[in-house]
PDB file of all heavy atoms in Angstrom:
ATOM      1  N   LYS A   1      71.376-162.047  18.271  1.00  0.00           N
ATOM      2  CA  LYS A   1      70.134-161.487  18.829  1.00  0.00           C
ATOM      3  C   LYS A   1      68.910-161.952  18.039  1.00  0.00           C
ATOM      4  O   LYS A   1      67.871-162.278  18.607  1.00  0.00           O
ATOM      5  CB  LYS A   1      70.213-159.952  18.798  1.00  0.00           C
ATOM      6  CG  LYS A   1      68.963-159.251  19.277  1.00  0.00           C
ATOM      7  CD  LYS A   1      69.144-157.719  19.146  1.00  0.00           C
ATOM      8  CE  LYS A   1      67.861-156.981  19.507  1.00  0.00           C
ATOM      9  NZ  LYS A   1      68.031-155.491  19.347  1.00  0.00           N
ATOM     10  N   HIS A   2      69.044-162.012  16.706  1.00  0.00           N
ATOM     11  CA  HIS A   2      67.899-162.324  15.849  1.00  0.00           C
ATOM     12  C   HIS A   2      67.979-163.747  15.273  1.00  0.00           C
ATOM     13  O   HIS A   2      67.176-164.100  14.407  1.00  0.00           O
ATOM     14  CB  HIS A   2      67.801-161.310  14.703  1.00  0.00           C
ATOM     15  CG  HIS A   2      67.567-159.928  15.169  1.00  0.00           C
ATOM     16  ND1 HIS A   2      66.350-159.457  15.599  1.00  0.00           N
ATOM     17  CD2 HIS A   2      68.428-158.861  15.287  1.00  0.00           C
ATOM     18  CE1 HIS A   2      66.457-158.184  15.959  1.00  0.00           C
ATOM     19  NE2 HIS A   2      67.692-157.805  15.769  1.00  0.00           N
ATOM     20  N   GLU A   3      68.943-164.549  15.763  1.00  0.00           N
ATOM     21  CA  GLU A   3      69.105-165.948  15.326  1.00  0.00           C
ATOM     22  C   GLU A   3      69.232-166.049  13.803  1.00  0.00           C
ATOM     23  O   GLU A   3      68.543-166.792  13.121  1.00  0.00           O
ATOM     24  CB  GLU A   3      67.931-166.803  15.809  1.00  0.00           C
ATOM     25  CG  GLU A   3      67.832-166.858  17.332  1.00  0.00           C
ATOM     26  CD  GLU A   3      66.722-167.770  17.811  1.00  0.00           C
ATOM     27  OE1 GLU A   3      65.895-168.199  16.965  1.00  0.00           O
ATOM     28  OE2 GLU A   3      66.685-168.066  19.016  1.00  0.00           O
ATOM     29  N   ILE A   4      70.151-165.250  13.292  1.00  0.00           N
ATOM     30  CA  ILE A   4      70.436-165.223  11.858  1.00  0.00           C
ATOM     31  C   ILE A   4      71.772-165.902  11.592  1.00  0.00           C
ATOM     32  O   ILE A   4      72.760-165.709  12.308  1.00  0.00           O
ATOM     33  CB  ILE A   4      70.452-163.759  11.353  1.00  0.00           C
ATOM     34  CG1 ILE A   4      69.068-163.150  11.475  1.00  0.00           C
ATOM     35  CG2 ILE A   4      70.936-163.700   9.898  1.00  0.00           C
ATOM     36  CD1 ILE A   4      68.997-161.664  11.150  1.00  0.00           C
ATOM     37  N   GLU A   5      71.757-166.714  10.548  1.00  0.00           N
ATOM     38  CA  GLU A   5      72.977-167.478  10.217  1.00  0.00           C
ATOM     39  C   GLU A   5      74.097-166.569   9.768  1.00  0.00           C
ATOM     40  O   GLU A   5      73.881-165.541   9.112  1.00  0.00           O
ATOM     41  CB  GLU A   5      72.635-168.483   9.103  1.00  0.00           C
ATOM     42  CG  GLU A   5      73.798-169.394   8.766  1.00  0.00           C
ATOM     43  CD  GLU A   5      73.443-170.446   7.716  1.00  0.00           C
ATOM     44  OE1 GLU A   5      72.256-170.452   7.307  1.00  0.00           O
ATOM     45  OE2 GLU A   5      74.327-171.188   7.315  1.00  0.00           O
ATOM     46  N   PHE A   6      75.328-166.956  10.115  1.00  0.00           N
ATOM     47  CA  PHE A   6      76.509-166.226   9.687  1.00  0.00           C
ATOM     48  C   PHE A   6      77.632-167.182   9.374  1.00  0.00           C
ATOM     49  O   PHE A   6      77.660-168.328   9.833  1.00  0.00           O
ATOM     50  CB  PHE A   6      76.964-165.230  10.772  1.00  0.00           C
ATOM     51  CG  PHE A   6      77.309-165.867  12.090  1.00  0.00           C
ATOM     52  CD1 PHE A   6      78.578-166.358  12.344  1.00  0.00           C
ATOM     53  CD2 PHE A   6      76.326-165.979  13.089  1.00  0.00           C
ATOM     54  CE1 PHE A   6      78.889-166.939  13.563  1.00  0.00           C
ATOM     55  CE2 PHE A   6      76.639-166.558  14.315  1.00  0.00           C
ATOM     56  CZ  PHE A   6      77.912-167.033  14.548  1.00  0.00           C
ATOM     57  N   GLN A   7      78.584-166.687   8.581  1.00  0.00           N
ATOM     58  CA  GLN A   7      79.762-167.479   8.209  1.00  0.00           C
ATOM     59  C   GLN A   7      80.947-166.963   9.021  1.00  0.00           C
ATOM     60  O   GLN A   7      80.979-165.806   9.446  1.00  0.00           O
ATOM     61  CB  GLN A   7      80.059-167.357   6.703  1.00  0.00           C
ATOM     62  CG  GLN A   7      78.922-167.813   5.819  1.00  0.00           C
ATOM     63  CD  GLN A   7      78.622-169.290   5.962  1.00  0.00           C
ATOM     64  OE1 GLN A   7      79.552-170.115   6.043  1.00  0.00           O
ATOM     65  NE2 GLN A   7      77.359-169.657   6.000  1.00  0.00           N
ATOM     66  N   ILE A   8      81.932-167.815   9.182  1.00  0.00           N
ATOM     67  CA  ILE A   8      83.149-167.375   9.855  1.00  0.00           C
ATOM     68  C   ILE A   8      84.372-167.593   8.957  1.00  0.00           C
ATOM     69  O   ILE A   8      84.351-168.428   8.032  1.00  0.00           O
ATOM     70  CB  ILE A   8      83.364-168.139  11.191  1.00  0.00           C
ATOM     71  CG1 ILE A   8      83.566-169.631  10.949  1.00  0.00           C
ATOM     72  CG2 ILE A   8      82.223-167.896  12.139  1.00  0.00           C
ATOM     73  CD1 ILE A   8      84.040-170.389  12.180  1.00  0.00           C
ATOM     74  N   LYS A   9      85.398-166.811   9.219  1.00  0.00           N
ATOM     75  CA  LYS A   9      86.657-166.944   8.488  1.00  0.00           C
ATOM     76  C   LYS A   9      87.787-166.837   9.490  1.00  0.00           C
ATOM     77  O   LYS A   9      87.889-165.868  10.224  1.00  0.00           O
ATOM     78  CB  LYS A   9      86.778-165.827   7.449  1.00  0.00           C
ATOM     79  CG  LYS A   9      88.099-165.862   6.677  1.00  0.00           C
ATOM     80  CD  LYS A   9      88.163-164.683   5.705  1.00  0.00           C
ATOM     81  CE  LYS A   9      89.530-164.617   5.006  1.00  0.00           C
ATOM     82  NZ  LYS A   9      89.621-163.454   4.096  1.00  0.00           N
ATOM     83  N   GLU A  10      88.625-167.841   9.521  1.00  0.00           N
ATOM     84  CA  GLU A  10      89.769-167.866  10.455  1.00  0.00           C
ATOM     85  C   GLU A  10      90.996-167.257   9.791  1.00  0.00           C
ATOM     86  O   GLU A  10      91.280-167.530   8.637  1.00  0.00           O
ATOM     87  CB  GLU A  10      90.092-169.297  10.889  1.00  0.00           C
ATOM     88  CG  GLU A  10      89.172-169.866  11.957  1.00  0.00           C
ATOM     89  CD  GLU A  10      89.588-169.460  13.387  1.00  0.00           C
ATOM     90  OE1 GLU A  10      90.618-168.769  13.511  1.00  0.00           O
ATOM     91  OE2 GLU A  10      88.880-169.828  14.326  1.00  0.00           O
ATOM     92  N   MET A  11      91.700-166.422  10.544  1.00  0.00           N
ATOM     93  CA  MET A  11      92.955-165.860  10.058  1.00  0.00           C
ATOM     94  C   MET A  11      94.070-166.251  11.009  1.00  0.00           C
ATOM     95  O   MET A  11      93.833-166.529  12.199  1.00  0.00           O
ATOM     96  CB  MET A  11      92.857-164.331   9.956  1.00  0.00           C
ATOM     97  CG  MET A  11      91.872-163.860   8.914  1.00  0.00           C
ATOM     98  SD  MET A  11      91.920-162.059   8.656  1.00  0.00           S
ATOM     99  CE  MET A  11      93.511-161.851   7.862  1.00  0.00           C
ATOM    100  N   SER A  12      95.301-166.264  10.488  1.00  0.00           N
ATOM    101  CA  SER A  12      96.447-166.667  11.277  1.00  0.00           C
ATOM    102  C   SER A  12      97.392-165.492  11.518  1.00  0.00           C
ATOM    103  O   SER A  12      97.709-164.743  10.564  1.00  0.00           O
ATOM    104  CB  SER A  12      97.187-167.800  10.569  1.00  0.00           C
ATOM    105  OG  SER A  12      98.349-168.184  11.288  1.00  0.00           O
ATOM    106  N   PHE A  13      97.817-165.323  12.766  1.00  0.00           N
ATOM    107  CA  PHE A  13      98.765-164.297  13.140  1.00  0.00           C
ATOM    108  C   PHE A  13      99.771-164.858  14.116  1.00  0.00           C
ATOM    109  O   PHE A  13      99.433-165.724  14.923  1.00  0.00           O
ATOM    110  CB  PHE A  13      98.066-163.087  13.773  1.00  0.00           C
ATOM    111  CG  PHE A  13      97.121-162.355  12.858  1.00  0.00           C
ATOM    112  CD1 PHE A  13      95.772-162.689  12.823  1.00  0.00           C
ATOM    113  CD2 PHE A  13      97.583-161.368  12.008  1.00  0.00           C
ATOM    114  CE1 PHE A  13      94.903-162.024  11.975  1.00  0.00           C
ATOM    115  CE2 PHE A  13      96.719-160.693  11.149  1.00  0.00           C
ATOM    116  CZ  PHE A  13      95.384-161.045  11.130  1.00  0.00           C
ATOM    117  N   PRO A  14     101.017-164.419  14.087  1.00  0.00           N
ATOM    118  CA  PRO A  14     102.044-164.941  14.976  1.00  0.00           C
ATOM    119  C   PRO A  14     101.839-164.560  16.449  1.00  0.00           C
ATOM    120  O   PRO A  14     102.355-165.258  17.335  1.00  0.00           O
ATOM    121  CB  PRO A  14     103.359-164.367  14.438  1.00  0.00           C
ATOM    122  CG  PRO A  14     102.949-163.165  13.637  1.00  0.00           C
ATOM    123  CD  PRO A  14     101.604-163.470  13.096  1.00  0.00           C
ATOM    124  N   SER A  15     101.169-163.441  16.716  1.00  0.00           N
ATOM    125  CA  SER A  15     101.042-162.996  18.111  1.00  0.00           C
ATOM    126  C   SER A  15      99.787-162.129  18.279  1.00  0.00           C
ATOM    127  O   SER A  15      99.202-161.657  17.316  1.00  0.00           O
ATOM    128  CB  SER A  15     102.266-162.202  18.529  1.00  0.00           C
ATOM    129  OG  SER A  15     102.301-160.939  17.863  1.00  0.00           O
ATOM    130  N   ARG A  16      99.444-161.930  19.537  1.00  0.00           N
ATOM    131  CA  ARG A  16      98.317-161.084  19.867  1.00  0.00           C
ATOM    132  C   ARG A  16      98.549-159.631  19.411  1.00  0.00           C
ATOM    133  O   ARG A  16      97.649-158.960  18.941  1.00  0.00           O
ATOM    134  CB  ARG A  16      98.087-161.122  21.391  1.00  0.00           C
ATOM    135  CG  ARG A  16      96.881-160.383  21.868  1.00  0.00           C
ATOM    136  CD  ARG A  16      96.697-160.520  23.395  1.00  0.00           C
ATOM    137  NE  ARG A  16      95.541-159.800  23.836  1.00  0.00           N
ATOM    138  CZ  ARG A  16      94.312-160.283  23.871  1.00  0.00           C
ATOM    139  NH1 ARG A  16      94.083-161.540  23.448  1.00  0.00           N
ATOM    140  NH2 ARG A  16      93.287-159.554  24.281  1.00  0.00           N
ATOM    141  N   GLU A  17      99.794-159.161  19.540  1.00  0.00           N
ATOM    142  CA  GLU A  17     100.130-157.811  19.109  1.00  0.00           C
ATOM    143  C   GLU A  17      99.897-157.626  17.613  1.00  0.00           C
ATOM    144  O   GLU A  17      99.428-156.582  17.174  1.00  0.00           O
ATOM    145  CB  GLU A  17     101.580-157.493  19.458  1.00  0.00           C
ATOM    146  CG  GLU A  17     101.881-157.328  20.924  1.00  0.00           C
ATOM    147  CD  GLU A  17     102.060-158.669  21.647  1.00  0.00           C
ATOM    148  OE1 GLU A  17     102.076-159.705  20.946  1.00  0.00           O
ATOM    149  OE2 GLU A  17     102.186-158.645  22.880  1.00  0.00           O
ATOM    150  N   ASP A  18     100.245-158.672  16.835  1.00  0.00           N
ATOM    151  CA  ASP A  18     100.034-158.615  15.384  1.00  0.00           C
ATOM    152  C   ASP A  18      98.543-158.523  15.050  1.00  0.00           C
ATOM    153  O   ASP A  18      98.143-157.844  14.119  1.00  0.00           O
ATOM    154  CB  ASP A  18     100.638-159.817  14.703  1.00  0.00           C
ATOM    155  CG  ASP A  18     102.174-159.783  14.702  1.00  0.00           C
ATOM    156  OD1 ASP A  18     102.727-158.957  13.997  1.00  0.00           O
ATOM    157  OD2 ASP A  18     102.770-160.567  15.445  1.00  0.00           O
ATOM    158  N   VAL A  19      97.732-159.225  15.837  1.00  0.00           N
ATOM    159  CA  VAL A  19      96.274-159.160  15.648  1.00  0.00           C
ATOM    160  C   VAL A  19      95.782-157.734  15.879  1.00  0.00           C
ATOM    161  O   VAL A  19      94.996-157.193  15.074  1.00  0.00           O
ATOM    162  CB  VAL A  19      95.555-160.124  16.617  1.00  0.00           C
ATOM    163  CG1 VAL A  19      94.029-159.941  16.497  1.00  0.00           C
ATOM    164  CG2 VAL A  19      95.923-161.565  16.341  1.00  0.00           C
ATOM    165  N   MET A  20      96.248-157.114  16.925  1.00  0.00           N
ATOM    166  CA  MET A  20      95.779-155.771  17.271  1.00  0.00           C
ATOM    167  C   MET A  20      96.190-154.747  16.192  1.00  0.00           C
ATOM    168  O   MET A  20      95.406-153.842  15.863  1.00  0.00           O
ATOM    169  CB  MET A  20      96.315-155.374  18.654  1.00  0.00           C
ATOM    170  CG  MET A  20      95.762-156.270  19.768  1.00  0.00           C
ATOM    171  SD  MET A  20      96.523-155.993  21.381  1.00  0.00           S
ATOM    172  CE  MET A  20      95.647-154.536  21.929  1.00  0.00           C
ATOM    173  N   VAL A  21      97.388-154.896  15.672  1.00  0.00           N
ATOM    174  CA  VAL A  21      97.819-153.992  14.588  1.00  0.00           C
ATOM    175  C   VAL A  21      96.944-154.212  13.352  1.00  0.00           C
ATOM    176  O   VAL A  21      96.544-153.251  12.680  1.00  0.00           O
ATOM    177  CB  VAL A  21      99.315-154.232  14.251  1.00  0.00           C
ATOM    178  CG1 VAL A  21      99.699-153.472  12.988  1.00  0.00           C
ATOM    179  CG2 VAL A  21     100.188-153.790  15.412  1.00  0.00           C
ATOM    180  N   TRP A  22      96.602-155.479  13.083  1.00  0.00           N
ATOM    181  CA  TRP A  22      95.740-155.781  11.935  1.00  0.00           C
ATOM    182  C   TRP A  22      94.365-155.161  12.105  1.00  0.00           C
ATOM    183  O   TRP A  22      93.798-154.591  11.159  1.00  0.00           O
ATOM    184  CB  TRP A  22      95.582-157.284  11.773  1.00  0.00           C
ATOM    185  CG  TRP A  22      94.701-157.664  10.607  1.00  0.00           C
ATOM    186  CD1 TRP A  22      95.058-157.830   9.299  1.00  0.00           C
ATOM    187  CD2 TRP A  22      93.266-157.852  10.646  1.00  0.00           C
ATOM    188  NE1 TRP A  22      93.964-158.107   8.515  1.00  0.00           N
ATOM    189  CE2 TRP A  22      92.847-158.147   9.328  1.00  0.00           C
ATOM    190  CE3 TRP A  22      92.309-157.816  11.639  1.00  0.00           C
ATOM    191  CZ2 TRP A  22      91.518-158.394   8.978  1.00  0.00           C
ATOM    192  CZ3 TRP A  22      90.975-158.065  11.319  1.00  0.00           C
ATOM    193  CH2 TRP A  22      90.584-158.348  10.007  1.00  0.00           C
ATOM    194  N   ILE A  23      93.816-155.226  13.322  1.00  0.00           N
ATOM    195  CA  ILE A  23      92.499-154.638  13.585  1.00  0.00           C
ATOM    196  C   ILE A  23      92.518-153.139  13.293  1.00  0.00           C
ATOM    197  O   ILE A  23      91.627-152.600  12.641  1.00  0.00           O
ATOM    198  CB  ILE A  23      92.082-154.888  15.055  1.00  0.00           C
ATOM    199  CG1 ILE A  23      91.789-156.383  15.276  1.00  0.00           C
ATOM    200  CG2 ILE A  23      90.841-154.061  15.403  1.00  0.00           C
ATOM    201  CD1 ILE A  23      91.561-156.754  16.728  1.00  0.00           C
ATOM    202  N   LEU A  24      93.575-152.460  13.752  1.00  0.00           N
ATOM    203  CA  LEU A  24      93.686-151.020  13.539  1.00  0.00           C
ATOM    204  C   LEU A  24      93.845-150.690  12.057  1.00  0.00           C
ATOM    205  O   LEU A  24      93.206-149.772  11.545  1.00  0.00           O
ATOM    206  CB  LEU A  24      94.855-150.463  14.347  1.00  0.00           C
ATOM    207  CG  LEU A  24      94.689-150.514  15.868  1.00  0.00           C
ATOM    208  CD1 LEU A  24      95.982-150.090  16.556  1.00  0.00           C
ATOM    209  CD2 LEU A  24      93.541-149.599  16.320  1.00  0.00           C
ATOM    210  N   ASN A  25      94.683-151.453  11.367  1.00  0.00           N
ATOM    211  CA  ASN A  25      94.868-151.240   9.925  1.00  0.00           C
ATOM    212  C   ASN A  25      93.551-151.449   9.176  1.00  0.00           C
ATOM    213  O   ASN A  25      93.212-150.696   8.272  1.00  0.00           O
ATOM    214  CB  ASN A  25      95.907-152.217   9.385  1.00  0.00           C
ATOM    215  CG  ASN A  25      97.334-151.732   9.602  1.00  0.00           C
ATOM    216  OD1 ASN A  25      97.563-150.557   9.736  1.00  0.00           O
ATOM    217  ND2 ASN A  25      98.275-152.637   9.635  1.00  0.00           N
ATOM    218  N   ASN A  26      92.849-152.484   9.589  1.00  0.00           N
ATOM    219  CA  ASN A  26      91.570-152.832   8.940  1.00  0.00           C
ATOM    220  C   ASN A  26      90.572-151.708   9.080  1.00  0.00           C
ATOM    221  O   ASN A  26      89.890-151.316   8.136  1.00  0.00           O
ATOM    222  CB  ASN A  26      91.039-154.128   9.555  1.00  0.00           C
ATOM    223  CG  ASN A  26      89.842-154.660   8.806  1.00  0.00           C
ATOM    224  OD1 ASN A  26      89.845-154.726   7.570  1.00  0.00           O
ATOM    225  ND2 ASN A  26      88.791-155.052   9.510  1.00  0.00           N
ATOM    226  N   GLN A  27      90.479-151.149  10.287  1.00  0.00           N
ATOM    227  CA  GLN A  27      89.523-150.078  10.545  1.00  0.00           C
ATOM    228  C   GLN A  27      89.934-148.784   9.861  1.00  0.00           C
ATOM    229  O   GLN A  27      89.092-148.070   9.303  1.00  0.00           O
ATOM    230  CB  GLN A  27      89.392-149.847  12.046  1.00  0.00           C
ATOM    231  CG  GLN A  27      88.748-151.001  12.800  1.00  0.00           C
ATOM    232  CD  GLN A  27      87.351-151.319  12.289  1.00  0.00           C
ATOM    233  OE1 GLN A  27      86.576-150.406  12.105  1.00  0.00           O
ATOM    234  NE2 GLN A  27      87.070-152.600  12.070  1.00  0.00           N
ATOM    235  N   LEU A  28      91.231-148.472   9.878  1.00  0.00           N
ATOM    236  CA  LEU A  28      91.709-147.252   9.216  1.00  0.00           C
ATOM    237  C   LEU A  28      91.461-147.317   7.716  1.00  0.00           C
ATOM    238  O   LEU A  28      91.294-146.297   7.057  1.00  0.00           O
ATOM    239  CB  LEU A  28      93.201-147.060   9.505  1.00  0.00           C
ATOM    240  CG  LEU A  28      93.572-146.539  10.877  1.00  0.00           C
ATOM    241  CD1 LEU A  28      95.056-146.682  11.139  1.00  0.00           C
ATOM    242  CD2 LEU A  28      93.154-145.062  11.027  1.00  0.00           C
ATOM    243  N   GLY A  29      91.433-148.522   7.168  1.00  0.00           N
ATOM    244  CA  GLY A  29      91.275-148.685   5.736  1.00  0.00           C
ATOM    245  C   GLY A  29      89.831-148.704   5.244  1.00  0.00           C
ATOM    246  O   GLY A  29      89.583-148.541   4.058  1.00  0.00           O
ATOM    247  N   ARG A  30      88.875-148.904   6.187  1.00  0.00           N
ATOM    248  CA  ARG A  30      87.511-149.105   5.685  1.00  0.00           C
ATOM    249  C   ARG A  30      86.440-148.272   6.369  1.00  0.00           C
ATOM    250  O   ARG A  30      85.393-148.040   5.813  1.00  0.00           O
ATOM    251  CB  ARG A  30      87.134-150.581   5.785  1.00  0.00           C
ATOM    252  CG  ARG A  30      87.093-151.102   7.204  1.00  0.00           C
ATOM    253  CD  ARG A  30      86.979-152.599   7.272  1.00  0.00           C
ATOM    254  NE  ARG A  30      85.596-153.044   7.320  1.00  0.00           N
ATOM    255  CZ  ARG A  30      85.225-154.276   7.659  1.00  0.00           C
ATOM    256  NH1 ARG A  30      86.146-155.172   7.914  1.00  0.00           N
ATOM    257  NH2 ARG A  30      83.958-154.588   7.696  1.00  0.00           N
ATOM    258  N   ARG A  31      86.667-147.857   7.624  1.00  0.00           N
ATOM    259  CA  ARG A  31      85.607-147.166   8.362  1.00  0.00           C
ATOM    260  C   ARG A  31      85.579-145.682   8.045  1.00  0.00           C
ATOM    261  O   ARG A  31      86.617-145.045   7.804  1.00  0.00           O
ATOM    262  CB  ARG A  31      85.837-147.342   9.870  1.00  0.00           C
ATOM    263  CG  ARG A  31      85.380-148.668  10.422  1.00  0.00           C
ATOM    264  CD  ARG A  31      83.877-148.746  10.562  1.00  0.00           C
ATOM    265  NE  ARG A  31      83.374-147.740  11.472  1.00  0.00           N
ATOM    266  CZ  ARG A  31      83.363-147.886  12.799  1.00  0.00           C
ATOM    267  NH1 ARG A  31      83.821-149.003  13.348  1.00  0.00           N
ATOM    268  NH2 ARG A  31      82.867-146.950  13.566  1.00  0.00           N
ATOM    269  N   ASN A  32      84.378-145.125   8.013  1.00  0.00           N
ATOM    270  CA  ASN A  32      84.203-143.698   7.816  1.00  0.00           C
ATOM    271  C   ASN A  32      84.342-142.983   9.153  1.00  0.00           C
ATOM    272  O   ASN A  32      83.356-142.549   9.758  1.00  0.00           O
ATOM    273  CB  ASN A  32      82.846-143.405   7.184  1.00  0.00           C
ATOM    274  CG  ASN A  32      82.680-141.940   6.822  1.00  0.00           C
ATOM    275  OD1 ASN A  32      83.668-141.247   6.613  1.00  0.00           O
ATOM    276  ND2 ASN A  32      81.460-141.492   6.784  1.00  0.00           N
ATOM    277  N   LEU A  33      85.562-142.901   9.681  1.00  0.00           N
ATOM    278  CA  LEU A  33      85.807-142.324  11.002  1.00  0.00           C
ATOM    279  C   LEU A  33      86.081-140.832  10.878  1.00  0.00           C
ATOM    280  O   LEU A  33      86.573-140.364   9.860  1.00  0.00           O
ATOM    281  CB  LEU A  33      87.038-143.000  11.627  1.00  0.00           C
ATOM    282  CG  LEU A  33      87.003-144.544  11.705  1.00  0.00           C
ATOM    283  CD1 LEU A  33      88.355-145.046  12.189  1.00  0.00           C
ATOM    284  CD2 LEU A  33      85.936-145.005  12.677  1.00  0.00           C
ATOM    285  N   ASN A  34      85.773-140.095  11.941  1.00  0.00           N
ATOM    286  CA  ASN A  34      86.153-138.688  11.924  1.00  0.00           C
ATOM    287  C   ASN A  34      87.667-138.567  12.158  1.00  0.00           C
ATOM    288  O   ASN A  34      88.329-139.551  12.542  1.00  0.00           O
ATOM    289  CB  ASN A  34      85.354-137.863  12.957  1.00  0.00           C
ATOM    290  CG  ASN A  34      85.636-138.248  14.386  1.00  0.00           C
ATOM    291  OD1 ASN A  34      86.783-138.491  14.758  1.00  0.00           O
ATOM    292  ND2 ASN A  34      84.608-138.300  15.219  1.00  0.00           N
ATOM    293  N   SER A  35      88.205-137.398  11.914  1.00  0.00           N
ATOM    294  CA  SER A  35      89.662-137.216  11.965  1.00  0.00           C
ATOM    295  C   SER A  35      90.242-137.555  13.324  1.00  0.00           C
ATOM    296  O   SER A  35      91.317-138.166  13.415  1.00  0.00           O
ATOM    297  CB  SER A  35      90.007-135.773  11.596  1.00  0.00           C
ATOM    298  OG  SER A  35      89.632-135.487  10.272  1.00  0.00           O
ATOM    299  N   ALA A  36      89.532-137.187  14.394  1.00  0.00           N
ATOM    300  CA  ALA A  36      90.034-137.463  15.743  1.00  0.00           C
ATOM    301  C   ALA A  36      90.175-138.957  16.005  1.00  0.00           C
ATOM    302  O   ALA A  36      91.166-139.425  16.557  1.00  0.00           O
ATOM    303  CB  ALA A  36      89.119-136.833  16.794  1.00  0.00           C
ATOM    304  N   MET A  37      89.177-139.726  15.582  1.00  0.00           N
ATOM    305  CA  MET A  37      89.220-141.171  15.739  1.00  0.00           C
ATOM    306  C   MET A  37      90.369-141.782  14.953  1.00  0.00           C
ATOM    307  O   MET A  37      91.092-142.666  15.438  1.00  0.00           O
ATOM    308  CB  MET A  37      87.901-141.807  15.300  1.00  0.00           C
ATOM    309  CG  MET A  37      86.710-141.549  16.219  1.00  0.00           C
ATOM    310  SD  MET A  37      85.222-142.313  15.570  1.00  0.00           S
ATOM    311  CE  MET A  37      84.037-141.854  16.863  1.00  0.00           C
ATOM    312  N   ARG A  38      90.556-141.287  13.735  1.00  0.00           N
ATOM    313  CA  ARG A  38      91.633-141.836  12.883  1.00  0.00           C
ATOM    314  C   ARG A  38      92.979-141.527  13.503  1.00  0.00           C
ATOM    315  O   ARG A  38      93.892-142.372  13.489  1.00  0.00           O
ATOM    316  CB  ARG A  38      91.549-141.227  11.481  1.00  0.00           C
ATOM    317  CG  ARG A  38      90.252-141.544  10.750  1.00  0.00           C
ATOM    318  CD  ARG A  38      90.280-141.010   9.312  1.00  0.00           C
ATOM    319  NE  ARG A  38      91.221-141.803   8.521  1.00  0.00           N
ATOM    320  CZ  ARG A  38      90.904-142.958   7.955  1.00  0.00           C
ATOM    321  NH1 ARG A  38      89.680-143.451   8.070  1.00  0.00           N
ATOM    322  NH2 ARG A  38      91.792-143.635   7.254  1.00  0.00           N
ATOM    323  N   ILE A  39      93.121-140.338  14.059  1.00  0.00           N
ATOM    324  CA  ILE A  39      94.404-139.971  14.694  1.00  0.00           C
ATOM    325  C   ILE A  39      94.668-140.866  15.905  1.00  0.00           C
ATOM    326  O   ILE A  39      95.774-141.370  16.091  1.00  0.00           O
ATOM    327  CB  ILE A  39      94.414-138.494  15.097  1.00  0.00           C
ATOM    328  CG1 ILE A  39      94.404-137.597  13.871  1.00  0.00           C
ATOM    329  CG2 ILE A  39      95.645-138.161  15.966  1.00  0.00           C
ATOM    330  CD1 ILE A  39      94.171-136.118  14.165  1.00  0.00           C
ATOM    331  N   GLU A  40      93.638-141.055  16.731  1.00  0.00           N
ATOM    332  CA  GLU A  40      93.806-141.893  17.936  1.00  0.00           C
ATOM    333  C   GLU A  40      94.192-143.313  17.561  1.00  0.00           C
ATOM    334  O   GLU A  40      95.063-143.919  18.195  1.00  0.00           O
ATOM    335  CB  GLU A  40      92.506-141.910  18.744  1.00  0.00           C
ATOM    336  CG  GLU A  40      92.244-140.642  19.527  1.00  0.00           C
ATOM    337  CD  GLU A  40      93.242-140.402  20.640  1.00  0.00           C
ATOM    338  OE1 GLU A  40      93.952-141.349  21.045  1.00  0.00           O
ATOM    339  OE2 GLU A  40      93.312-139.248  21.121  1.00  0.00           O
ATOM    340  N   MET A  41      93.598-143.862  16.517  1.00  0.00           N
ATOM    341  CA  MET A  41      93.923-145.211  16.065  1.00  0.00           C
ATOM    342  C   MET A  41      95.337-145.264  15.514  1.00  0.00           C
ATOM    343  O   MET A  41      96.082-146.226  15.757  1.00  0.00           O
ATOM    344  CB  MET A  41      92.915-145.689  15.042  1.00  0.00           C
ATOM    345  CG  MET A  41      91.504-145.831  15.621  1.00  0.00           C
ATOM    346  SD  MET A  41      90.301-146.494  14.446  1.00  0.00           S
ATOM    347  CE  MET A  41      90.679-148.244  14.562  1.00  0.00           C
ATOM    348  N   ALA A  42      95.743-144.239  14.780  1.00  0.00           N
ATOM    349  CA  ALA A  42      97.101-144.207  14.225  1.00  0.00           C
ATOM    350  C   ALA A  42      98.126-144.079  15.333  1.00  0.00           C
ATOM    351  O   ALA A  42      99.171-144.752  15.311  1.00  0.00           O
ATOM    352  CB  ALA A  42      97.242-143.030  13.254  1.00  0.00           C
ATOM    353  N   LEU A  43      97.832-143.267  16.362  1.00  0.00           N
ATOM    354  CA  LEU A  43      98.746-143.126  17.516  1.00  0.00           C
ATOM    355  C   LEU A  43      98.864-144.446  18.269  1.00  0.00           C
ATOM    356  O   LEU A  43      99.948-144.836  18.706  1.00  0.00           O
ATOM    357  CB  LEU A  43      98.234-142.039  18.437  1.00  0.00           C
ATOM    358  CG  LEU A  43      98.340-140.582  17.932  1.00  0.00           C
ATOM    359  CD1 LEU A  43      97.605-139.640  18.866  1.00  0.00           C
ATOM    360  CD2 LEU A  43      99.804-140.163  17.817  1.00  0.00           C
ATOM    361  N   LEU A  44      97.714-145.126  18.424  1.00  0.00           N
ATOM    362  CA  LEU A  44      97.722-146.405  19.134  1.00  0.00           C
ATOM    363  C   LEU A  44      98.514-147.440  18.375  1.00  0.00           C
ATOM    364  O   LEU A  44      99.296-148.202  18.954  1.00  0.00           O
ATOM    365  CB  LEU A  44      96.274-146.879  19.315  1.00  0.00           C
ATOM    366  CG  LEU A  44      96.078-148.164  20.133  1.00  0.00           C
ATOM    367  CD1 LEU A  44      96.693-148.053  21.525  1.00  0.00           C
ATOM    368  CD2 LEU A  44      94.587-148.477  20.256  1.00  0.00           C
ATOM    369  N   LYS A  45      98.354-147.453  17.069  1.00  0.00           N
ATOM    370  CA  LYS A  45      99.107-148.391  16.232  1.00  0.00           C
ATOM    371  C   LYS A  45     100.597-148.120  16.342  1.00  0.00           C
ATOM    372  O   LYS A  45     101.411-149.053  16.465  1.00  0.00           O
ATOM    373  CB  LYS A  45      98.640-148.282  14.778  1.00  0.00           C
ATOM    374  CG  LYS A  45      99.444-149.195  13.843  1.00  0.00           C
ATOM    375  CD  LYS A  45      99.071-148.927  12.378  1.00  0.00           C
ATOM    376  CE  LYS A  45     100.038-149.632  11.446  1.00  0.00           C
ATOM    377  NZ  LYS A  45      99.782-149.329  10.034  1.00  0.00           N
TER     378      LYS A  45
END
């Protein structure tokens, strides 16, 4: 939106499902989520 430079980092995963599990783990480990959100993500994982 603001034409600001950014860097990228490529990661390797064996499957799409592994990517989705990684996304959930990543968010559960770093985001300040409320309890309901954390539970929903854990259930989804």
